[in-house]
């Protein structure tokens, strides 16, 4: 007995005859009659009584049709679920993230994710925290990996826009100085293995290279310098952290960079890095998304990233 057999019996019962049932099921009447007879033979029971060109259910037929309808409903529900499941796992998900953090974090996540879910396509959208938060709030992307340095703005996004936030990793900030310098103020730092924010006060007259305005990292560096008692003398604002690092290596100035920088730059691009031991010099990153709009595929990505653990240089996975 097959699902097709159940459907044909229900059609005959509901249409009251073989002719109409055959039209409904797009089969010939003789084929439908033969299938019902074969099924009755398999069951050893009559499902229909044929009287004067009328078809009437027997007592066994009534029980059969009642249960057959339930099975057909459940079968369709199962097919619908599997169809949706297949659709979700072949959809394209969009993840917004700054290019620097795609390089040092997301690329490693995606490498492991696609081993488990090879059919889920990921579209990575470049952007910076303030912009990509807006993308999530306006449903332009599914997920954003963003910084929560300005926690008040993040709370506003969560409270006003109905977003959820899951913390993923943290990184420190480090003072970066040129490999060689004649500055008397910098000389003590070449001997330091770490420093505190208060130690930076002696660098108030040094030229700073910093990422451009509009970046949360820019604001964090200004905040750290002010906590040390001065406003940095900025001579260059660069578009990327990598550019900042290159300029420091070339002796253009000093700066504050991510602790991950020394692990990704080549030997020729390495400055001298001194970790800043202070809570203000730790940055936290997480996953921002709108729970009411996510598909099963997005949900799988969120669960995977939330549980993902891997050793990455300069990053502390939560």
Protein backbone atom coordinates (compact mmCIF):
# COMPACT_ATOMS: atom_id res chain seq x y z
CA UNK A 1 0.00 0.00 0.00
CA UNK A 2 1.36 3.39 -1.00
CA UNK A 3 0.43 7.01 -0.24
CA UNK A 4 -1.00 7.16 -3.77
CA UNK A 5 -3.45 4.38 -2.87
CA UNK A 6 -4.75 6.36 0.11
CA UNK A 7 -5.23 9.43 -2.05
CA UNK A 8 -7.20 7.50 -4.67
CA UNK A 9 -9.53 5.91 -2.11
CA UNK A 10 -10.25 9.30 -0.51
CA UNK A 11 -10.91 10.80 -3.95
CA UNK A 12 -13.47 8.10 -4.81
CA UNK A 13 -15.18 8.56 -1.46
CA UNK A 14 -15.32 12.36 -1.74
CA UNK A 15 -16.38 12.44 -5.41
CA UNK A 16 -18.93 9.63 -4.99
CA UNK A 17 -17.75 7.70 -8.01
CA UNK A 18 -14.81 6.49 -10.07
CA UNK A 19 -15.31 8.79 -13.06
CA UNK A 20 -15.03 12.06 -11.16
CA UNK A 21 -12.25 10.67 -8.95
CA UNK A 22 -10.27 9.67 -12.05
CA UNK A 23 -10.55 13.19 -13.47
CA UNK A 24 -9.51 14.71 -10.14
CA UNK A 25 -6.46 12.46 -9.85
CA UNK A 26 -5.53 12.69 -13.56
CA UNK A 27 -5.71 8.93 -14.20
CA UNK A 28 -7.95 6.80 -16.40
CA UNK A 29 -11.09 5.31 -14.86
CA UNK A 30 -10.08 1.70 -15.64
CA UNK A 31 -6.68 2.21 -14.02
CA UNK A 32 -8.28 3.71 -10.92
CA UNK A 33 -10.83 0.87 -10.67
CA UNK A 34 -8.10 -1.75 -11.00
CA UNK A 35 -5.96 -0.08 -8.32
CA UNK A 36 -8.87 -0.01 -5.85
CA UNK A 37 -9.67 -3.67 -6.56
CA UNK A 38 -6.03 -4.60 -6.07
CA UNK A 39 -5.92 -2.69 -2.77
CA UNK A 40 -9.12 -4.40 -1.58
CA UNK A 41 -7.55 -7.72 -2.45
CA UNK A 42 -4.42 -6.80 -0.47
CA UNK A 43 -6.51 -5.81 2.55
CA UNK A 44 -8.94 -8.72 2.22
CA UNK A 45 -11.77 -6.24 2.71
CA UNK A 46 -14.27 -4.40 0.57
CA UNK A 47 -13.91 -0.62 0.83
CA UNK A 48 -16.78 0.24 -1.52
CA UNK A 49 -20.14 -1.22 -2.42
CA UNK A 50 -21.10 -0.63 -6.05
CA UNK A 51 -24.86 -0.33 -6.48
CA UNK A 52 -26.68 1.00 -9.54
CA UNK A 53 -23.72 3.13 -10.72
CA UNK A 54 -23.29 4.48 -7.19
CA UNK A 55 -20.29 3.93 -4.93
CA UNK A 56 -20.89 3.70 -1.18
CA UNK A 57 -18.31 3.18 1.53
CA UNK A 58 -18.49 0.01 3.56
CA UNK A 59 -17.96 0.12 7.32
CA UNK A 60 -14.31 -0.83 6.73
CA UNK A 61 -14.13 1.81 4.01
CA UNK A 62 -15.31 4.55 6.37
CA UNK A 63 -12.58 3.69 8.89
CA UNK A 64 -10.02 3.50 6.08
CA UNK A 65 -10.96 6.89 4.63
CA UNK A 66 -10.96 8.62 8.04
CA UNK A 67 -7.44 7.42 8.84
CA UNK A 68 -6.26 7.92 5.24
CA UNK A 69 -7.25 11.61 5.39
CA UNK A 70 -5.21 12.06 8.58
CA UNK A 71 -2.21 10.32 7.03
CA UNK A 72 -2.43 12.46 3.90
CA UNK A 73 -2.53 15.65 5.99
CA UNK A 74 0.49 14.55 8.03
CA UNK A 75 2.31 13.54 4.85
CA UNK A 76 1.76 16.97 3.30
CA UNK A 77 2.89 18.68 6.50
CA UNK A 78 6.06 16.60 6.47
CA UNK A 79 6.72 17.44 2.82
CA UNK A 80 6.19 21.14 3.53
CA UNK A 81 8.65 21.02 6.43
CA UNK A 82 11.25 19.24 4.35
CA UNK A 83 10.75 21.70 1.49
CA UNK A 84 11.26 24.64 3.86
CA UNK A 85 14.24 22.93 5.46
CA UNK A 86 15.84 22.47 2.06
CA UNK A 87 15.09 26.07 1.09
CA UNK A 88 16.59 27.45 4.29
CA UNK A 89 19.76 25.46 3.93
CA UNK A 90 20.35 26.65 0.38
CA UNK A 91 19.65 30.31 0.98
CA UNK A 92 22.18 33.11 0.97
CA UNK A 93 22.90 34.71 4.33
CA UNK A 94 24.39 38.17 4.65
CA UNK A 95 26.95 38.99 7.33
CA UNK A 96 28.19 42.56 7.77
CA UNK A 97 31.64 43.00 9.30
CA UNK A 98 34.66 45.30 9.11
CA UNK A 99 37.28 43.97 6.65
CA UNK A 100 39.94 43.77 9.39
CA UNK A 101 37.79 41.49 11.54
CA UNK A 102 36.76 39.42 8.56
CA UNK A 103 40.45 38.69 8.09
CA UNK A 104 41.36 37.90 11.69
CA UNK A 105 38.11 36.23 12.82
CA UNK A 106 35.27 35.58 10.37
CA UNK A 107 37.33 33.79 7.73
CA UNK A 108 38.29 31.14 10.30
CA UNK A 109 34.65 30.76 11.37
CA UNK A 110 33.46 30.38 7.78
CA UNK A 111 36.12 27.75 7.07
CA UNK A 112 34.71 25.54 9.83
CA UNK A 113 31.06 26.48 9.19
CA UNK A 114 31.13 25.34 5.55
CA UNK A 115 32.51 21.97 6.54
CA UNK A 116 29.30 21.38 8.50
CA UNK A 117 26.82 23.30 6.30
CA UNK A 118 28.26 23.30 2.76
CA UNK A 119 24.97 24.35 1.11
CA UNK A 120 24.51 27.61 3.02
CA UNK A 121 25.90 30.49 1.00
CA UNK A 122 27.37 33.46 2.85
CA UNK A 123 27.52 36.98 1.47
CA UNK A 124 29.99 39.12 3.42
CA UNK A 125 29.24 42.85 3.45
CA UNK A 126 32.05 45.27 4.30
CA UNK A 127 31.30 48.02 6.76
CA UNK A 128 32.12 49.48 10.14
CA UNK A 129 30.25 49.10 13.39
CA UNK A 130 27.97 52.15 13.33
CA UNK A 131 26.99 51.57 9.71
CA UNK A 132 26.45 47.82 9.95
CA UNK A 133 24.32 48.18 13.08
CA UNK A 134 22.03 50.36 11.00
CA UNK A 135 21.98 47.69 8.29
CA UNK A 136 20.69 45.14 10.81
CA UNK A 137 18.09 47.53 12.21
CA UNK A 138 16.80 48.28 8.71
CA UNK A 139 16.79 44.57 7.71
CA UNK A 140 19.43 45.15 5.03
CA UNK A 141 21.61 42.32 6.36
CA UNK A 142 20.83 39.25 8.45
CA UNK A 143 23.69 39.51 10.94
CA UNK A 144 26.43 41.93 11.95
CA UNK A 145 29.65 41.23 13.80
CA UNK A 146 30.23 44.52 15.58
CA UNK A 147 32.04 46.19 18.45
CA UNK A 148 30.24 47.26 21.61
CA UNK A 149 32.76 49.87 22.80
CA UNK A 150 29.95 52.42 22.78
CA UNK A 151 27.65 50.20 24.81
CA UNK A 152 24.98 52.88 25.20
CA UNK A 153 24.42 53.05 21.44
CA UNK A 154 24.32 49.27 21.26
CA UNK A 155 21.69 49.15 24.01
CA UNK A 156 19.64 51.67 22.04
CA UNK A 157 19.80 49.40 18.98
CA UNK A 158 18.68 46.42 21.04
CA UNK A 159 15.90 48.21 22.91
CA UNK A 160 14.50 50.34 20.10
CA UNK A 161 14.91 48.02 17.13
CA UNK A 162 14.19 44.64 18.74
CA UNK A 163 17.68 43.25 18.21
CA UNK A 164 19.54 40.53 20.11
CA UNK A 165 23.26 40.60 20.87
CA UNK A 166 25.60 37.69 21.65
CA UNK A 167 29.16 38.42 22.78
CA UNK A 168 31.74 36.46 20.77
CA UNK A 169 35.30 37.61 21.44
CA UNK A 170 37.51 40.35 22.84
CA UNK A 171 40.89 41.82 22.00
CA UNK A 172 43.32 44.20 23.65
CA UNK A 173 44.87 47.39 22.41
CA UNK A 174 48.61 48.03 22.33
CA UNK A 175 50.85 51.03 22.02
CA UNK A 176 52.71 50.80 18.72
CA UNK A 177 55.97 52.73 18.19
CA UNK A 178 58.46 52.75 15.30
CA UNK A 179 61.18 50.08 15.31
CA UNK A 180 63.74 52.86 15.65
CA UNK A 181 63.29 56.38 17.02
CA UNK A 182 65.45 59.20 18.40
CA UNK A 183 62.61 60.48 20.60
CA UNK A 184 63.65 60.75 24.24
CA UNK A 185 60.00 60.19 25.28
CA UNK A 186 59.87 56.88 23.45
CA UNK A 187 63.18 55.53 24.73
CA UNK A 188 61.78 54.04 28.01
CA UNK A 189 59.04 52.21 26.09
CA UNK A 190 61.51 50.11 24.12
CA UNK A 191 62.35 48.43 27.43
CA UNK A 192 58.74 47.86 28.52
CA UNK A 193 56.91 44.57 28.12
CA UNK A 194 53.64 46.26 29.00
CA UNK A 195 52.33 49.62 30.13
CA UNK A 196 49.36 51.28 31.74
CA UNK A 197 47.26 54.18 30.50
CA UNK A 198 48.92 56.51 33.00
CA UNK A 199 52.30 55.71 31.38
CA UNK A 200 51.09 57.26 28.12
CA UNK A 201 51.10 60.76 29.66
CA UNK A 202 54.77 61.15 28.70
CA UNK A 203 53.81 60.77 25.03
CA UNK A 204 51.55 63.83 24.88
CA UNK A 205 53.87 65.67 22.45
CA UNK A 206 54.46 62.71 20.14
CA UNK A 207 52.80 62.67 16.70
CA UNK A 208 49.95 60.15 16.48
CA UNK A 209 48.71 58.16 13.52
CA UNK A 210 45.10 57.07 14.04
CA UNK A 211 42.14 55.59 12.15
CA UNK A 212 39.75 58.14 10.71
CA UNK A 213 36.82 59.75 12.45
CA UNK A 214 33.54 57.86 12.36
CA UNK A 215 35.22 54.69 13.55
CA UNK A 216 34.59 53.44 17.09
CA UNK A 217 38.29 52.62 17.39
CA UNK A 218 39.07 56.29 16.74
CA UNK A 219 36.85 57.30 19.64
CA UNK A 220 38.32 54.64 21.92
CA UNK A 221 41.90 55.84 21.26
CA UNK A 222 40.91 59.45 21.97
CA UNK A 223 39.26 58.26 25.19
CA UNK A 224 42.40 56.37 26.28
CA UNK A 225 44.61 59.39 25.64
CA UNK A 226 42.27 61.67 27.58
CA UNK A 227 42.31 59.16 30.45
CA UNK A 228 46.12 59.60 30.40
CA UNK A 229 45.64 63.37 30.68
CA UNK A 230 46.13 64.66 27.13
CA UNK A 231 44.60 64.95 23.67
CA UNK A 232 46.72 63.21 21.02
CA UNK A 233 48.54 65.32 18.46
CA UNK A 234 47.14 63.64 15.37
CA UNK A 235 49.14 64.14 12.18
CA UNK A 236 47.54 61.44 10.02
CA UNK A 237 44.10 59.81 9.99
CA UNK A 238 44.14 56.63 7.91
CA UNK A 239 41.34 54.58 6.41
CA UNK A 240 42.39 51.23 7.85
CA UNK A 241 44.22 49.75 10.83
CA UNK A 242 46.74 48.17 8.48
CA UNK A 243 47.60 51.60 7.03
CA UNK A 244 48.06 53.00 10.53
CA UNK A 245 50.43 50.17 11.34
CA UNK A 246 52.44 50.70 8.13
CA UNK A 247 52.88 54.41 8.86
CA UNK A 248 54.06 53.70 12.38
CA UNK A 249 56.61 51.22 11.01
CA UNK A 250 57.86 53.93 8.66
CA UNK A 251 58.42 56.31 11.58
CA UNK A 252 55.66 58.77 10.72
CA UNK A 253 54.30 58.65 14.26
CA UNK A 254 53.10 56.43 17.07
CA UNK A 255 49.67 54.92 17.60
CA UNK A 256 47.42 52.50 19.39
CA UNK A 257 46.52 49.35 17.45
CA UNK A 258 44.74 46.06 17.96
CA UNK A 259 46.67 43.29 19.72
CA UNK A 260 46.00 41.09 16.69
CA UNK A 261 48.04 43.38 14.42
CA UNK A 262 51.42 41.93 15.36
CA UNK A 263 50.17 38.45 14.43
CA UNK A 264 49.03 39.31 10.90
CA UNK A 265 51.68 41.72 9.63
CA UNK A 266 54.89 40.60 7.95
CA UNK A 267 58.32 40.95 9.57
CA UNK A 268 58.97 44.10 7.51
CA UNK A 269 55.75 45.68 8.76
CA UNK A 270 56.24 45.04 12.45
CA UNK A 271 56.40 47.97 14.82
CA UNK A 272 57.24 47.62 18.51
CA UNK A 273 54.05 46.67 20.37
CA UNK A 274 53.52 47.24 24.09
CA UNK A 275 50.27 45.85 25.56
CA UNK A 276 48.20 48.37 27.53
CA UNK A 277 47.01 46.69 30.72
CA UNK A 278 43.73 48.41 31.48
CA UNK A 279 40.04 47.60 31.08
CA UNK A 280 39.68 50.66 28.84
CA UNK A 281 42.08 49.02 26.40
CA UNK A 282 39.96 45.89 25.91
CA UNK A 283 37.41 45.80 23.10
CA UNK A 284 34.44 43.43 22.93
CA UNK A 285 32.73 42.13 19.81
CA UNK A 286 29.53 40.23 19.25
CA UNK A 287 26.75 39.15 16.93
CA UNK A 288 23.83 41.54 16.36
CA UNK A 289 20.63 40.33 14.69
CA UNK A 290 16.85 40.64 14.71
CA UNK A 291 15.35 37.41 16.13
CA UNK A 292 11.90 37.85 14.59
CA UNK A 293 13.22 37.94 11.03
CA UNK A 294 15.72 35.07 11.00
CA UNK A 295 15.28 31.90 8.96
CA UNK A 296 16.36 28.42 10.03
CA UNK A 297 19.58 28.83 8.06
CA UNK A 298 20.42 32.07 9.86
CA UNK A 299 19.55 30.42 13.16
CA UNK A 300 21.97 27.60 12.39
CA UNK A 301 24.72 30.12 11.69
CA UNK A 302 24.04 31.96 14.95
CA UNK A 303 24.12 28.73 16.97
CA UNK A 304 27.30 27.61 15.24
CA UNK A 305 29.14 30.89 15.85
CA UNK A 306 27.89 31.07 19.44
CA UNK A 307 29.37 27.64 20.17
CA UNK A 308 32.48 28.06 18.02
CA UNK A 309 35.75 27.79 19.92
CA UNK A 310 39.16 28.07 18.29
CA UNK A 311 42.53 29.42 19.29
CA UNK A 312 43.24 32.64 17.39
CA UNK A 313 46.32 34.85 17.99
CA UNK A 314 45.48 38.02 19.89
CA UNK A 315 41.80 37.14 20.34
CA UNK A 316 40.03 35.85 23.42
CA UNK A 317 37.00 33.78 22.36
CA UNK A 318 34.15 34.05 24.85
